[in-house]
Protein backbone atom coordinates (compact mmCIF):
# COMPACT_ATOMS: atom_id res chain seq x y z
CA UNK A 1 0.00 0.00 0.00
CA UNK A 2 2.75 2.46 0.90
CA UNK A 3 4.79 1.57 -2.19
CA UNK A 4 1.76 2.06 -4.44
CA UNK A 5 1.06 5.44 -2.82
CA UNK A 6 4.67 6.52 -3.37
CA UNK A 7 4.53 5.41 -7.01
CA UNK A 8 1.36 7.43 -7.53
CA UNK A 9 2.70 10.60 -5.93
CA UNK A 10 6.28 10.58 -7.23
CA UNK A 11 5.85 9.19 -10.74
CA UNK A 12 8.67 6.73 -10.06
CA UNK A 13 8.82 3.70 -12.35
CA UNK A 14 9.62 1.17 -9.62
CA UNK A 15 9.88 0.79 -5.85
CA UNK A 16 12.69 -0.96 -3.98
CA UNK A 17 11.86 -2.50 -0.60
CA UNK A 18 14.63 -3.18 1.89
CA UNK A 19 13.82 -4.98 5.12
CA UNK A 20 16.19 -5.57 7.99
CA UNK A 21 16.20 -6.56 11.59
CA UNK A 22 19.52 -8.28 12.13
CA UNK A 23 21.18 -5.78 14.46
CA UNK A 24 18.07 -4.93 16.51
CA UNK A 25 15.08 -7.16 17.33
CA UNK A 26 12.71 -4.89 15.36
CA UNK A 27 11.68 -4.64 11.73
CA UNK A 28 13.47 -1.86 9.88
CA UNK A 29 12.20 -0.97 6.39
CA UNK A 30 13.16 1.36 3.55
CA UNK A 31 10.70 2.00 0.72
CA UNK A 32 12.63 3.73 -2.06
CA UNK A 33 11.21 5.13 -5.30
CA UNK A 34 13.46 4.57 -8.32
CA UNK A 35 13.49 6.73 -11.44
CA UNK A 36 14.48 6.10 -15.04
CA UNK A 37 16.46 9.34 -14.88
CA UNK A 38 18.92 7.78 -12.41
CA UNK A 39 22.27 6.74 -13.91
CA UNK A 40 22.24 2.96 -14.52
CA UNK A 41 25.21 2.40 -12.23
CA UNK A 42 23.17 3.76 -9.30
CA UNK A 43 19.62 2.82 -10.34
CA UNK A 44 20.52 -0.86 -10.59
CA UNK A 45 22.05 -0.85 -7.10
CA UNK A 46 20.62 -0.04 -3.72
CA UNK A 47 20.23 3.55 -2.57
CA UNK A 48 23.47 3.17 -0.64
CA UNK A 49 25.34 2.88 -3.97
CA UNK A 50 25.14 6.67 -4.44
CA UNK A 51 28.16 8.72 -3.36
CA UNK A 52 27.97 10.37 0.07
CA UNK A 53 27.87 13.84 -1.50
CA UNK A 54 24.63 12.95 -3.31
CA UNK A 55 23.06 11.43 -0.18
CA UNK A 56 23.91 14.47 1.92
CA UNK A 57 22.49 16.95 -0.59
CA UNK A 58 19.29 14.91 -1.01
CA UNK A 59 18.59 13.96 2.59
CA UNK A 60 15.16 14.41 4.14
CA UNK A 61 14.17 17.95 5.07
CA UNK A 62 10.83 18.27 6.88
CA UNK A 63 10.08 21.80 5.70
CA UNK A 64 11.06 21.16 2.08
CA UNK A 65 9.28 17.78 2.00
CA UNK A 66 6.12 18.76 3.91
CA UNK A 67 3.88 18.78 0.82
CA UNK A 68 5.26 15.42 -0.35
CA UNK A 69 4.49 13.94 3.07
CA UNK A 70 0.92 15.23 2.81
CA UNK A 71 0.44 13.86 -0.71
CA UNK A 72 1.72 10.42 0.30
CA UNK A 73 -0.55 10.48 3.36
CA UNK A 74 -3.60 11.25 1.19
CA UNK A 75 -2.65 8.53 -1.30
CA UNK A 76 -2.40 6.02 1.58
CA UNK A 77 -5.77 7.14 2.98
CA UNK A 78 -7.37 6.43 -0.42
CA UNK A 79 -6.15 2.86 -0.12
CA UNK A 80 -7.44 2.15 3.39
PDB file of N, CA and C in Angstrom:
ATOM      1  N   UNK A   1       0.824  -1.184   0.000  1.00  0.00           N
ATOM      2  CA  UNK A   1       0.000   0.000   0.000  1.00  0.00           C
ATOM      3  C   UNK A   1       0.877   1.261   0.000  1.00  0.00           C
ATOM      4  N   UNK A   2       1.877   1.292   0.832  1.00  0.00           N
ATOM      5  CA  UNK A   2       2.753   2.463   0.900  1.00  0.00           C
ATOM      6  C   UNK A   2       3.534   2.609  -0.411  1.00  0.00           C
ATOM      7  N   UNK A   3       4.061   1.519  -0.929  1.00  0.00           N
ATOM      8  CA  UNK A   3       4.793   1.566  -2.190  1.00  0.00           C
ATOM      9  C   UNK A   3       3.920   2.072  -3.324  1.00  0.00           C
ATOM     10  N   UNK A   4       2.670   1.598  -3.398  1.00  0.00           N
ATOM     11  CA  UNK A   4       1.755   2.062  -4.438  1.00  0.00           C
ATOM     12  C   UNK A   4       1.459   3.550  -4.288  1.00  0.00           C
ATOM     13  N   UNK A   5       1.304   4.014  -3.065  1.00  0.00           N
ATOM     14  CA  UNK A   5       1.058   5.436  -2.823  1.00  0.00           C
ATOM     15  C   UNK A   5       2.262   6.268  -3.260  1.00  0.00           C
ATOM     16  N   UNK A   6       3.465   5.792  -2.963  1.00  0.00           N
ATOM     17  CA  UNK A   6       4.672   6.525  -3.368  1.00  0.00           C
ATOM     18  C   UNK A   6       4.806   6.542  -4.884  1.00  0.00           C
ATOM     19  N   UNK A   7       4.502   5.426  -5.552  1.00  0.00           N
ATOM     20  CA  UNK A   7       4.529   5.407  -7.012  1.00  0.00           C
ATOM     21  C   UNK A   7       3.566   6.447  -7.581  1.00  0.00           C
ATOM     22  N   UNK A   8       2.374   6.486  -7.053  1.00  0.00           N
ATOM     23  CA  UNK A   8       1.359   7.431  -7.532  1.00  0.00           C
ATOM     24  C   UNK A   8       1.826   8.875  -7.386  1.00  0.00           C
ATOM     25  N   UNK A   9       2.362   9.208  -6.245  1.00  0.00           N
ATOM     26  CA  UNK A   9       2.703  10.601  -5.930  1.00  0.00           C
ATOM     27  C   UNK A   9       3.985  11.055  -6.614  1.00  0.00           C
ATOM     28  N   UNK A  10       4.969  10.165  -6.722  1.00  0.00           N
ATOM     29  CA  UNK A  10       6.279  10.583  -7.230  1.00  0.00           C
ATOM     30  C   UNK A  10       6.461  10.371  -8.723  1.00  0.00           C
ATOM     31  N   UNK A  11       5.653   9.513  -9.331  1.00  0.00           N
ATOM     32  CA  UNK A  11       5.853   9.194 -10.739  1.00  0.00           C
ATOM     33  C   UNK A  11       7.047   8.288 -10.977  1.00  0.00           C
ATOM     34  N   UNK A  12       7.565   7.671  -9.920  1.00  0.00           N
ATOM     35  CA  UNK A  12       8.670   6.725 -10.064  1.00  0.00           C
ATOM     36  C   UNK A  12       8.229   5.545 -10.930  1.00  0.00           C
ATOM     37  N   UNK A  13       9.171   4.839 -11.500  1.00  0.00           N
ATOM     38  CA  UNK A  13       8.817   3.697 -12.346  1.00  0.00           C
ATOM     39  C   UNK A  13       8.870   2.382 -11.576  1.00  0.00           C
ATOM     40  N   UNK A  14       9.465   2.403 -10.403  1.00  0.00           N
ATOM     41  CA  UNK A  14       9.621   1.175  -9.620  1.00  0.00           C
ATOM     42  C   UNK A  14       9.870   1.556  -8.167  1.00  0.00           C
ATOM     43  N   UNK A  15       9.614   0.616  -7.277  1.00  0.00           N
ATOM     44  CA  UNK A  15       9.883   0.793  -5.848  1.00  0.00           C
ATOM     45  C   UNK A  15      10.824  -0.322  -5.400  1.00  0.00           C
ATOM     46  N   UNK A  16      11.836   0.037  -4.625  1.00  0.00           N
ATOM     47  CA  UNK A  16      12.687  -0.963  -3.980  1.00  0.00           C
ATOM     48  C   UNK A  16      12.291  -1.041  -2.514  1.00  0.00           C
ATOM     49  N   UNK A  17      12.164  -2.265  -2.008  1.00  0.00           N
ATOM     50  CA  UNK A  17      11.862  -2.504  -0.603  1.00  0.00           C
ATOM     51  C   UNK A  17      13.080  -3.159   0.046  1.00  0.00           C
ATOM     52  N   UNK A  18      13.515  -2.613   1.137  1.00  0.00           N
ATOM     53  CA  UNK A  18      14.631  -3.179   1.887  1.00  0.00           C
ATOM     54  C   UNK A  18      14.161  -3.403   3.322  1.00  0.00           C
ATOM     55  N   UNK A  19      14.235  -4.636   3.768  1.00  0.00           N
ATOM     56  CA  UNK A  19      13.824  -4.977   5.121  1.00  0.00           C
ATOM     57  C   UNK A  19      15.019  -5.507   5.902  1.00  0.00           C
ATOM     58  N   UNK A  20      15.110  -5.099   7.140  1.00  0.00           N
ATOM     59  CA  UNK A  20      16.186  -5.571   7.992  1.00  0.00           C
ATOM     60  C   UNK A  20      15.692  -5.798   9.405  1.00  0.00           C
ATOM     61  N   UNK A  21      16.522  -6.296  10.201  1.00  0.00           N
ATOM     62  CA  UNK A  21      16.204  -6.559  11.586  1.00  0.00           C
ATOM     63  C   UNK A  21      17.281  -7.390  12.250  1.00  0.00           C
ATOM     64  N   UNK A  22      18.443  -7.435  11.616  1.00  0.00           N
ATOM     65  CA  UNK A  22      19.517  -8.278  12.133  1.00  0.00           C
ATOM     66  C   UNK A  22      20.209  -7.686  13.345  1.00  0.00           C
ATOM     67  N   UNK A  23      20.412  -6.361  13.355  1.00  0.00           N
ATOM     68  CA  UNK A  23      21.176  -5.776  14.457  1.00  0.00           C
ATOM     69  C   UNK A  23      20.306  -5.407  15.651  1.00  0.00           C
ATOM     70  N   UNK A  24      19.026  -5.225  15.430  1.00  0.00           N
ATOM     71  CA  UNK A  24      18.068  -4.927  16.507  1.00  0.00           C
ATOM     72  C   UNK A  24      16.874  -5.863  16.349  1.00  0.00           C
ATOM     73  N   UNK A  25      16.216  -6.229  17.426  1.00  0.00           N
ATOM     74  CA  UNK A  25      15.084  -7.160  17.327  1.00  0.00           C
ATOM     75  C   UNK A  25      13.783  -6.452  16.909  1.00  0.00           C
ATOM     76  N   UNK A  26      13.882  -5.581  15.895  1.00  0.00           N
ATOM     77  CA  UNK A  26      12.705  -4.889  15.361  1.00  0.00           C
ATOM     78  C   UNK A  26      12.820  -4.871  13.841  1.00  0.00           C
ATOM     79  N   UNK A  27      11.679  -4.758  13.180  1.00  0.00           N
ATOM     80  CA  UNK A  27      11.678  -4.642  11.730  1.00  0.00           C
ATOM     81  C   UNK A  27      12.098  -3.236  11.336  1.00  0.00           C
ATOM     82  N   UNK A  28      12.977  -3.137  10.386  1.00  0.00           N
ATOM     83  CA  UNK A  28      13.466  -1.860   9.876  1.00  0.00           C
ATOM     84  C   UNK A  28      13.248  -1.898   8.370  1.00  0.00           C
ATOM     85  N   UNK A  29      12.540  -0.929   7.814  1.00  0.00           N
ATOM     86  CA  UNK A  29      12.204  -0.973   6.390  1.00  0.00           C
ATOM     87  C   UNK A  29      12.535   0.338   5.691  1.00  0.00           C
ATOM     88  N   UNK A  30      12.977   0.218   4.442  1.00  0.00           N
ATOM     89  CA  UNK A  30      13.163   1.358   3.551  1.00  0.00           C
ATOM     90  C   UNK A  30      12.280   1.098   2.333  1.00  0.00           C
ATOM     91  N   UNK A  31      11.530   2.089   1.922  1.00  0.00           N
ATOM     92  CA  UNK A  31      10.703   1.996   0.722  1.00  0.00           C
ATOM     93  C   UNK A  31      11.193   3.121  -0.184  1.00  0.00           C
ATOM     94  N   UNK A  32      11.873   2.757  -1.271  1.00  0.00           N
ATOM     95  CA  UNK A  32      12.631   3.727  -2.056  1.00  0.00           C
ATOM     96  C   UNK A  32      12.101   3.808  -3.485  1.00  0.00           C
ATOM     97  N   UNK A  33      11.614   4.975  -3.896  1.00  0.00           N
ATOM     98  CA  UNK A  33      11.213   5.126  -5.302  1.00  0.00           C
ATOM     99  C   UNK A  33      12.448   5.173  -6.196  1.00  0.00           C
ATOM    100  N   UNK A  34      12.358   4.563  -7.359  1.00  0.00           N
ATOM    101  CA  UNK A  34      13.461   4.573  -8.320  1.00  0.00           C
ATOM    102  C   UNK A  34      12.962   5.208  -9.617  1.00  0.00           C
ATOM    103  N   UNK A  35      13.853   5.938 -10.271  1.00  0.00           N
ATOM    104  CA  UNK A  35      13.490   6.732 -11.438  1.00  0.00           C
ATOM    105  C   UNK A  35      14.334   6.342 -12.637  1.00  0.00           C
ATOM    106  N   UNK A  36      13.728   6.389 -13.817  1.00  0.00           N
ATOM    107  CA  UNK A  36      14.476   6.096 -15.043  1.00  0.00           C
ATOM    108  C   UNK A  36      15.565   7.122 -15.291  1.00  0.00           C
ATOM    109  N   UNK A  37      15.449   8.291 -14.693  1.00  0.00           N
ATOM    110  CA  UNK A  37      16.458   9.341 -14.880  1.00  0.00           C
ATOM    111  C   UNK A  37      17.737   9.088 -14.074  1.00  0.00           C
ATOM    112  N   UNK A  38      17.723   8.107 -13.184  1.00  0.00           N
ATOM    113  CA  UNK A  38      18.922   7.782 -12.411  1.00  0.00           C
ATOM    114  C   UNK A  38      19.962   7.139 -13.325  1.00  0.00           C
ATOM    115  N   UNK A  39      21.238   7.451 -13.142  1.00  0.00           N
ATOM    116  CA  UNK A  39      22.268   6.744 -13.914  1.00  0.00           C
ATOM    117  C   UNK A  39      22.194   5.242 -13.631  1.00  0.00           C
ATOM    118  N   UNK A  40      22.345   4.419 -14.670  1.00  0.00           N
ATOM    119  CA  UNK A  40      22.239   2.960 -14.524  1.00  0.00           C
ATOM    120  C   UNK A  40      23.082   2.417 -13.384  1.00  0.00           C
ATOM    121  N   UNK A  41      24.298   2.920 -13.249  1.00  0.00           N
ATOM    122  CA  UNK A  41      25.210   2.396 -12.230  1.00  0.00           C
ATOM    123  C   UNK A  41      24.610   2.540 -10.829  1.00  0.00           C
ATOM    124  N   UNK A  42      23.799   3.563 -10.605  1.00  0.00           N
ATOM    125  CA  UNK A  42      23.171   3.761  -9.295  1.00  0.00           C
ATOM    126  C   UNK A  42      21.774   3.143  -9.246  1.00  0.00           C
ATOM    127  N   UNK A  43      21.012   3.300 -10.327  1.00  0.00           N
ATOM    128  CA  UNK A  43      19.618   2.815 -10.341  1.00  0.00           C
ATOM    129  C   UNK A  43      19.555   1.305 -10.165  1.00  0.00           C
ATOM    130  N   UNK A  44      20.536   0.598 -10.679  1.00  0.00           N
ATOM    131  CA  UNK A  44      20.515  -0.864 -10.592  1.00  0.00           C
ATOM    132  C   UNK A  44      21.070  -1.375  -9.266  1.00  0.00           C
ATOM    133  N   UNK A  45      21.564  -0.474  -8.428  1.00  0.00           N
ATOM    134  CA  UNK A  45      22.054  -0.846  -7.102  1.00  0.00           C
ATOM    135  C   UNK A  45      21.097  -0.334  -6.039  1.00  0.00           C
ATOM    136  N   UNK A  46      21.434  -0.561  -4.812  1.00  0.00           N
ATOM    137  CA  UNK A  46      20.621  -0.038  -3.719  1.00  0.00           C
ATOM    138  C   UNK A  46      20.867   1.448  -3.537  1.00  0.00           C
ATOM    139  N   UNK A  47      20.042   2.123  -2.771  1.00  0.00           N
ATOM    140  CA  UNK A  47      20.226   3.547  -2.572  1.00  0.00           C
ATOM    141  C   UNK A  47      21.564   3.888  -1.933  1.00  0.00           C
ATOM    142  N   UNK A  48      22.173   2.940  -1.267  1.00  0.00           N
ATOM    143  CA  UNK A  48      23.472   3.169  -0.636  1.00  0.00           C
ATOM    144  C   UNK A  48      24.603   3.174  -1.670  1.00  0.00           C
ATOM    145  N   UNK A  49      24.300   2.876  -2.938  1.00  0.00           N
ATOM    146  CA  UNK A  49      25.338   2.883  -3.968  1.00  0.00           C
ATOM    147  C   UNK A  49      25.685   4.300  -4.433  1.00  0.00           C
ATOM    148  N   UNK A  50      24.852   5.279  -4.092  1.00  0.00           N
ATOM    149  CA  UNK A  50      25.141   6.671  -4.445  1.00  0.00           C
ATOM    150  C   UNK A  50      26.295   7.194  -3.598  1.00  0.00           C
ATOM    151  N   UNK A  51      27.079   8.128  -4.156  1.00  0.00           N
ATOM    152  CA  UNK A  51      28.161   8.721  -3.364  1.00  0.00           C
ATOM    153  C   UNK A  51      27.607   9.525  -2.185  1.00  0.00           C
ATOM    154  N   UNK A  52      28.399   9.643  -1.129  1.00  0.00           N
ATOM    155  CA  UNK A  52      27.966  10.367   0.070  1.00  0.00           C
ATOM    156  C   UNK A  52      27.548  11.792  -0.242  1.00  0.00           C
ATOM    157  N   UNK A  53      28.218  12.454  -1.174  1.00  0.00           N
ATOM    158  CA  UNK A  53      27.867  13.842  -1.496  1.00  0.00           C
ATOM    159  C   UNK A  53      26.440  13.940  -2.022  1.00  0.00           C
ATOM    160  N   UNK A  54      25.998  12.954  -2.798  1.00  0.00           N
ATOM    161  CA  UNK A  54      24.626  12.949  -3.305  1.00  0.00           C
ATOM    162  C   UNK A  54      23.644  12.717  -2.159  1.00  0.00           C
ATOM    163  N   UNK A  55      23.957  11.753  -1.299  1.00  0.00           N
ATOM    164  CA  UNK A  55      23.058  11.429  -0.184  1.00  0.00           C
ATOM    165  C   UNK A  55      22.901  12.624   0.747  1.00  0.00           C
ATOM    166  N   UNK A  56      23.973  13.313   1.016  1.00  0.00           N
ATOM    167  CA  UNK A  56      23.911  14.468   1.915  1.00  0.00           C
ATOM    168  C   UNK A  56      23.084  15.597   1.316  1.00  0.00           C
ATOM    169  N   UNK A  57      23.221  15.839   0.027  1.00  0.00           N
ATOM    170  CA  UNK A  57      22.486  16.948  -0.594  1.00  0.00           C
ATOM    171  C   UNK A  57      21.032  16.602  -0.856  1.00  0.00           C
ATOM    172  N   UNK A  58      20.658  15.338  -0.753  1.00  0.00           N
ATOM    173  CA  UNK A  58      19.285  14.907  -1.006  1.00  0.00           C
ATOM    174  C   UNK A  58      18.643  14.270   0.217  1.00  0.00           C
ATOM    175  N   UNK A  59      19.155  14.558   1.390  1.00  0.00           N
ATOM    176  CA  UNK A  59      18.587  13.958   2.594  1.00  0.00           C
ATOM    177  C   UNK A  59      17.254  14.627   2.943  1.00  0.00           C
ATOM    178  N   UNK A  60      16.490  13.953   3.751  1.00  0.00           N
ATOM    179  CA  UNK A  60      15.157  14.413   4.144  1.00  0.00           C
ATOM    180  C   UNK A  60      15.212  15.770   4.831  1.00  0.00           C
ATOM    181  N   UNK A  61      14.313  16.635   4.437  1.00  0.00           N
ATOM    182  CA  UNK A  61      14.166  17.947   5.073  1.00  0.00           C
ATOM    183  C   UNK A  61      12.678  18.168   5.304  1.00  0.00           C
ATOM    184  N   UNK A  62      12.249  18.217   6.563  1.00  0.00           N
ATOM    185  CA  UNK A  62      10.827  18.269   6.876  1.00  0.00           C
ATOM    186  C   UNK A  62      10.135  19.452   6.213  1.00  0.00           C
ATOM    187  N   UNK A  63      10.724  20.616   6.294  1.00  0.00           N
ATOM    188  CA  UNK A  63      10.076  21.796   5.705  1.00  0.00           C
ATOM    189  C   UNK A  63       9.981  21.670   4.188  1.00  0.00           C
ATOM    190  N   UNK A  64      11.063  21.299   3.539  1.00  0.00           N
ATOM    191  CA  UNK A  64      11.060  21.159   2.081  1.00  0.00           C
ATOM    192  C   UNK A  64      10.104  20.055   1.638  1.00  0.00           C
ATOM    193  N   UNK A  65      10.035  18.962   2.398  1.00  0.00           N
ATOM    194  CA  UNK A  65       9.278  17.778   1.997  1.00  0.00           C
ATOM    195  C   UNK A  65       7.874  17.712   2.583  1.00  0.00           C
ATOM    196  N   UNK A  66       7.439  18.759   3.252  1.00  0.00           N
ATOM    197  CA  UNK A  66       6.123  18.760   3.911  1.00  0.00           C
ATOM    198  C   UNK A  66       4.987  18.424   2.940  1.00  0.00           C
ATOM    199  N   UNK A  67       4.973  19.032   1.758  1.00  0.00           N
ATOM    200  CA  UNK A  67       3.877  18.778   0.817  1.00  0.00           C
ATOM    201  C   UNK A  67       3.927  17.339   0.298  1.00  0.00           C
ATOM    202  N   UNK A  68       5.126  16.814   0.078  1.00  0.00           N
ATOM    203  CA  UNK A  68       5.257  15.422  -0.348  1.00  0.00           C
ATOM    204  C   UNK A  68       4.709  14.476   0.717  1.00  0.00           C
ATOM    205  N   UNK A  69       5.009  14.751   1.969  1.00  0.00           N
ATOM    206  CA  UNK A  69       4.487  13.938   3.073  1.00  0.00           C
ATOM    207  C   UNK A  69       2.959  13.936   3.043  1.00  0.00           C
ATOM    208  N   UNK A  70       2.382  15.123   2.861  1.00  0.00           N
ATOM    209  CA  UNK A  70       0.920  15.235   2.808  1.00  0.00           C
ATOM    210  C   UNK A  70       0.324  14.472   1.644  1.00  0.00           C
ATOM    211  N   UNK A  71       0.947  14.570   0.476  1.00  0.00           N
ATOM    212  CA  UNK A  71       0.443  13.863  -0.705  1.00  0.00           C
ATOM    213  C   UNK A  71       0.513  12.350  -0.517  1.00  0.00           C
ATOM    214  N   UNK A  72       1.604  11.859   0.051  1.00  0.00           N
ATOM    215  CA  UNK A  72       1.717  10.424   0.302  1.00  0.00           C
ATOM    216  C   UNK A  72       0.669   9.991   1.320  1.00  0.00           C
ATOM    217  N   UNK A  73       0.468  10.795   2.360  1.00  0.00           N
ATOM    218  CA  UNK A  73      -0.555  10.482   3.358  1.00  0.00           C
ATOM    219  C   UNK A  73      -1.945  10.368   2.732  1.00  0.00           C
ATOM    220  N   UNK A  74      -2.297  11.301   1.850  1.00  0.00           N
ATOM    221  CA  UNK A  74      -3.605  11.252   1.186  1.00  0.00           C
ATOM    222  C   UNK A  74      -3.712  10.033   0.280  1.00  0.00           C
ATOM    223  N   UNK A  75      -2.633   9.699  -0.430  1.00  0.00           N
ATOM    224  CA  UNK A  75      -2.653   8.528  -1.299  1.00  0.00           C
ATOM    225  C   UNK A  75      -2.805   7.247  -0.485  1.00  0.00           C
ATOM    226  N   UNK A  76      -2.224   7.190   0.702  1.00  0.00           N
ATOM    227  CA  UNK A  76      -2.399   6.018   1.578  1.00  0.00           C
ATOM    228  C   UNK A  76      -3.840   5.959   2.076  1.00  0.00           C
ATOM    229  N   UNK A  77      -4.380   7.107   2.488  1.00  0.00           N
ATOM    230  CA  UNK A  77      -5.767   7.143   2.978  1.00  0.00           C
ATOM    231  C   UNK A  77      -6.742   6.607   1.931  1.00  0.00           C
ATOM    232  N   UNK A  78      -6.511   6.934   0.659  1.00  0.00           N
ATOM    233  CA  UNK A  78      -7.371   6.432  -0.420  1.00  0.00           C
ATOM    234  C   UNK A  78      -7.380   4.919  -0.467  1.00  0.00           C
ATOM    235  N   UNK A  79      -6.300   4.307  -0.017  1.00  0.00           N
ATOM    236  CA  UNK A  79      -6.154   2.857  -0.121  1.00  0.00           C
ATOM    237  C   UNK A  79      -6.634   2.110   1.121  1.00  0.00           C
ATOM    238  N   UNK A  80      -7.001   2.817   2.154  1.00  0.00           N
ATOM    239  CA  UNK A  80      -7.444   2.152   3.389  1.00  0.00           C
ATOM    240  C   UNK A  80      -8.899   1.687   3.281  1.00  0.00           C
TER     241      UNK A  80
END
